Amino acid sequence: MPTIKIQGMSCQHCVMAVTKALTGIEGVTDIRVDLKTGEASYTETKPVDRAVIRERIQKAGYEVV
């Protein structure tokens, strides 16, 4: 289960925004965003380019660190 560190999340709305940003990426399922740790994890059903993950999160207004 890949895990990514995200900077800029401060509330439950942020968690929902990141979850929504990752939803719909082909091959990404079981998305879990943890506000306390500032991390998101997900299951890959097929290989997913990390650049796509980073781009979606940045478009939502957060930074992958």
N, C-alpha and C. Protein backbone atom coordinates (compact mmCIF):
# COMPACT_ATOMS: atom_id res chain seq x y z
N MET A 1 0.85 -1.17 0.00
CA MET A 1 0.00 0.00 0.00
C MET A 1 0.90 1.24 0.00
N PRO A 2 0.99 1.95 -1.11
CA PRO A 2 1.81 3.17 -1.17
C PRO A 2 1.28 4.23 -0.21
N THR A 3 2.21 4.96 0.40
CA THR A 3 1.86 6.05 1.30
C THR A 3 2.59 7.31 0.84
N ILE A 4 1.88 8.43 0.84
CA ILE A 4 2.49 9.70 0.47
C ILE A 4 2.27 10.73 1.56
N LYS A 5 3.24 11.57 1.77
CA LYS A 5 3.17 12.64 2.77
C LYS A 5 2.61 13.88 2.08
N ILE A 6 1.62 14.50 2.72
CA ILE A 6 0.95 15.67 2.15
C ILE A 6 1.04 16.83 3.12
N GLN A 7 1.42 17.97 2.62
CA GLN A 7 1.53 19.17 3.43
C GLN A 7 0.38 20.12 3.12
N GLY A 8 -0.16 20.75 4.16
CA GLY A 8 -1.19 21.76 3.96
C GLY A 8 -2.58 21.36 4.42
N MET A 9 -2.76 20.11 4.86
CA MET A 9 -4.07 19.69 5.34
C MET A 9 -4.25 20.15 6.78
N SER A 10 -5.43 20.72 7.08
CA SER A 10 -5.65 21.21 8.44
C SER A 10 -7.02 20.85 9.01
N CYS A 11 -7.89 20.25 8.21
CA CYS A 11 -9.24 19.95 8.71
C CYS A 11 -9.84 18.78 7.92
N GLN A 12 -11.03 18.39 8.34
CA GLN A 12 -11.70 17.27 7.68
C GLN A 12 -12.05 17.60 6.22
N HIS A 13 -12.30 18.86 5.93
CA HIS A 13 -12.55 19.27 4.55
C HIS A 13 -11.33 18.95 3.68
N CYS A 14 -10.15 19.18 4.21
CA CYS A 14 -8.91 18.87 3.48
C CYS A 14 -8.82 17.38 3.19
N VAL A 15 -9.16 16.57 4.18
CA VAL A 15 -9.15 15.11 4.00
C VAL A 15 -10.09 14.72 2.87
N MET A 16 -11.28 15.30 2.86
CA MET A 16 -12.24 14.99 1.80
C MET A 16 -11.74 15.47 0.43
N ALA A 17 -11.09 16.62 0.40
CA ALA A 17 -10.58 17.16 -0.87
C ALA A 17 -9.49 16.25 -1.45
N VAL A 18 -8.60 15.77 -0.60
CA VAL A 18 -7.53 14.88 -1.07
C VAL A 18 -8.13 13.55 -1.51
N THR A 19 -9.07 13.04 -0.74
CA THR A 19 -9.72 11.78 -1.11
C THR A 19 -10.40 11.92 -2.47
N LYS A 20 -11.11 13.02 -2.66
CA LYS A 20 -11.78 13.26 -3.94
C LYS A 20 -10.76 13.39 -5.07
N ALA A 21 -9.64 14.03 -4.80
CA ALA A 21 -8.61 14.21 -5.83
C ALA A 21 -8.05 12.86 -6.30
N LEU A 22 -7.94 11.92 -5.38
CA LEU A 22 -7.38 10.61 -5.73
C LEU A 22 -8.43 9.65 -6.29
N THR A 23 -9.68 9.90 -5.97
CA THR A 23 -10.76 9.07 -6.48
C THR A 23 -10.88 9.28 -7.99
N GLY A 24 -11.02 8.22 -8.68
CA GLY A 24 -11.17 8.34 -10.12
C GLY A 24 -9.88 8.12 -10.90
N ILE A 25 -8.74 8.06 -10.19
CA ILE A 25 -7.50 7.72 -10.87
C ILE A 25 -7.55 6.22 -11.12
N GLU A 26 -7.42 5.83 -12.37
CA GLU A 26 -7.50 4.43 -12.72
C GLU A 26 -6.40 3.65 -12.01
N GLY A 27 -6.80 2.60 -11.31
CA GLY A 27 -5.85 1.76 -10.59
C GLY A 27 -5.72 2.10 -9.12
N VAL A 28 -6.36 3.19 -8.67
CA VAL A 28 -6.28 3.60 -7.26
C VAL A 28 -7.61 3.24 -6.56
N THR A 29 -7.49 2.46 -5.48
CA THR A 29 -8.66 2.10 -4.69
C THR A 29 -8.30 2.20 -3.21
N ASP A 30 -9.27 2.02 -2.36
CA ASP A 30 -9.09 1.96 -0.90
C ASP A 30 -8.24 3.13 -0.39
N ILE A 31 -8.68 4.33 -0.69
CA ILE A 31 -7.95 5.55 -0.32
C ILE A 31 -8.19 5.86 1.15
N ARG A 32 -7.11 6.10 1.87
CA ARG A 32 -7.18 6.47 3.29
C ARG A 32 -6.32 7.71 3.51
N VAL A 33 -6.93 8.78 3.99
CA VAL A 33 -6.22 10.03 4.25
C VAL A 33 -6.27 10.28 5.75
N ASP A 34 -5.09 10.44 6.35
CA ASP A 34 -4.99 10.63 7.80
C ASP A 34 -4.53 12.05 8.09
N LEU A 35 -5.42 12.86 8.64
CA LEU A 35 -5.13 14.25 8.94
C LEU A 35 -4.02 14.36 9.99
N LYS A 36 -4.06 13.52 11.00
CA LYS A 36 -3.09 13.59 12.10
C LYS A 36 -1.66 13.39 11.62
N THR A 37 -1.45 12.40 10.74
CA THR A 37 -0.10 12.11 10.25
C THR A 37 0.23 12.89 8.98
N GLY A 38 -0.80 13.45 8.33
CA GLY A 38 -0.57 14.16 7.08
C GLY A 38 -0.20 13.23 5.94
N GLU A 39 -0.78 12.03 5.97
CA GLU A 39 -0.45 11.04 4.96
C GLU A 39 -1.69 10.49 4.28
N ALA A 40 -1.50 10.07 3.05
CA ALA A 40 -2.54 9.37 2.31
C ALA A 40 -1.96 8.04 1.85
N SER A 41 -2.76 7.01 1.94
CA SER A 41 -2.35 5.70 1.44
C SER A 41 -3.48 5.16 0.56
N TYR A 42 -3.12 4.25 -0.31
CA TYR A 42 -4.09 3.69 -1.24
C TYR A 42 -3.58 2.36 -1.75
N THR A 43 -4.48 1.61 -2.33
CA THR A 43 -4.14 0.34 -2.94
C THR A 43 -4.08 0.55 -4.45
N GLU A 44 -3.10 -0.08 -5.08
CA GLU A 44 -3.00 -0.03 -6.54
C GLU A 44 -3.47 -1.36 -7.12
N THR A 45 -4.44 -1.29 -8.01
CA THR A 45 -4.90 -2.49 -8.70
C THR A 45 -4.09 -2.72 -9.97
N LYS A 46 -3.35 -1.68 -10.35
CA LYS A 46 -2.39 -1.76 -11.47
C LYS A 46 -1.39 -0.63 -11.23
N PRO A 47 -0.23 -0.66 -11.88
CA PRO A 47 0.76 0.40 -11.64
C PRO A 47 0.20 1.80 -11.95
N VAL A 48 0.47 2.73 -11.03
CA VAL A 48 0.01 4.11 -11.17
C VAL A 48 1.23 5.03 -11.12
N ASP A 49 1.32 5.93 -12.07
CA ASP A 49 2.43 6.89 -12.12
C ASP A 49 2.32 7.86 -10.95
N ARG A 50 3.37 7.96 -10.15
CA ARG A 50 3.36 8.86 -8.99
C ARG A 50 3.18 10.32 -9.41
N ALA A 51 3.57 10.66 -10.62
CA ALA A 51 3.39 12.03 -11.11
C ALA A 51 1.90 12.37 -11.22
N VAL A 52 1.09 11.39 -11.57
CA VAL A 52 -0.36 11.60 -11.66
C VAL A 52 -0.92 11.86 -10.26
N ILE A 53 -0.47 11.09 -9.29
CA ILE A 53 -0.90 11.28 -7.89
C ILE A 53 -0.51 12.68 -7.43
N ARG A 54 0.73 13.05 -7.64
CA ARG A 54 1.24 14.36 -7.22
C ARG A 54 0.43 15.49 -7.88
N GLU A 55 0.18 15.37 -9.18
CA GLU A 55 -0.55 16.40 -9.92
C GLU A 55 -1.96 16.59 -9.38
N ARG A 56 -2.65 15.49 -9.12
CA ARG A 56 -4.02 15.57 -8.60
C ARG A 56 -4.06 16.25 -7.23
N ILE A 57 -3.11 15.91 -6.38
CA ILE A 57 -3.07 16.50 -5.04
C ILE A 57 -2.73 17.99 -5.13
N GLN A 58 -1.81 18.34 -6.00
CA GLN A 58 -1.45 19.75 -6.17
C GLN A 58 -2.62 20.55 -6.72
N LYS A 59 -3.37 19.98 -7.65
CA LYS A 59 -4.55 20.66 -8.20
C LYS A 59 -5.61 20.91 -7.12
N ALA A 60 -5.61 20.04 -6.11
CA ALA A 60 -6.56 20.20 -5.00
C ALA A 60 -6.07 21.24 -3.99
N GLY A 61 -4.83 21.72 -4.17
CA GLY A 61 -4.33 22.79 -3.32
C GLY A 61 -3.37 22.37 -2.23
N TYR A 62 -2.81 21.16 -2.35
CA TYR A 62 -1.91 20.64 -1.32
C TYR A 62 -0.58 20.26 -1.95
N GLU A 63 0.41 20.04 -1.10
CA GLU A 63 1.74 19.73 -1.60
C GLU A 63 2.18 18.34 -1.15
N VAL A 64 2.70 17.58 -2.10
CA VAL A 64 3.27 16.29 -1.78
C VAL A 64 4.73 16.52 -1.39
N VAL A 65 5.09 16.02 -0.21
CA VAL A 65 6.47 16.23 0.28
C VAL A 65 7.23 14.92 0.36
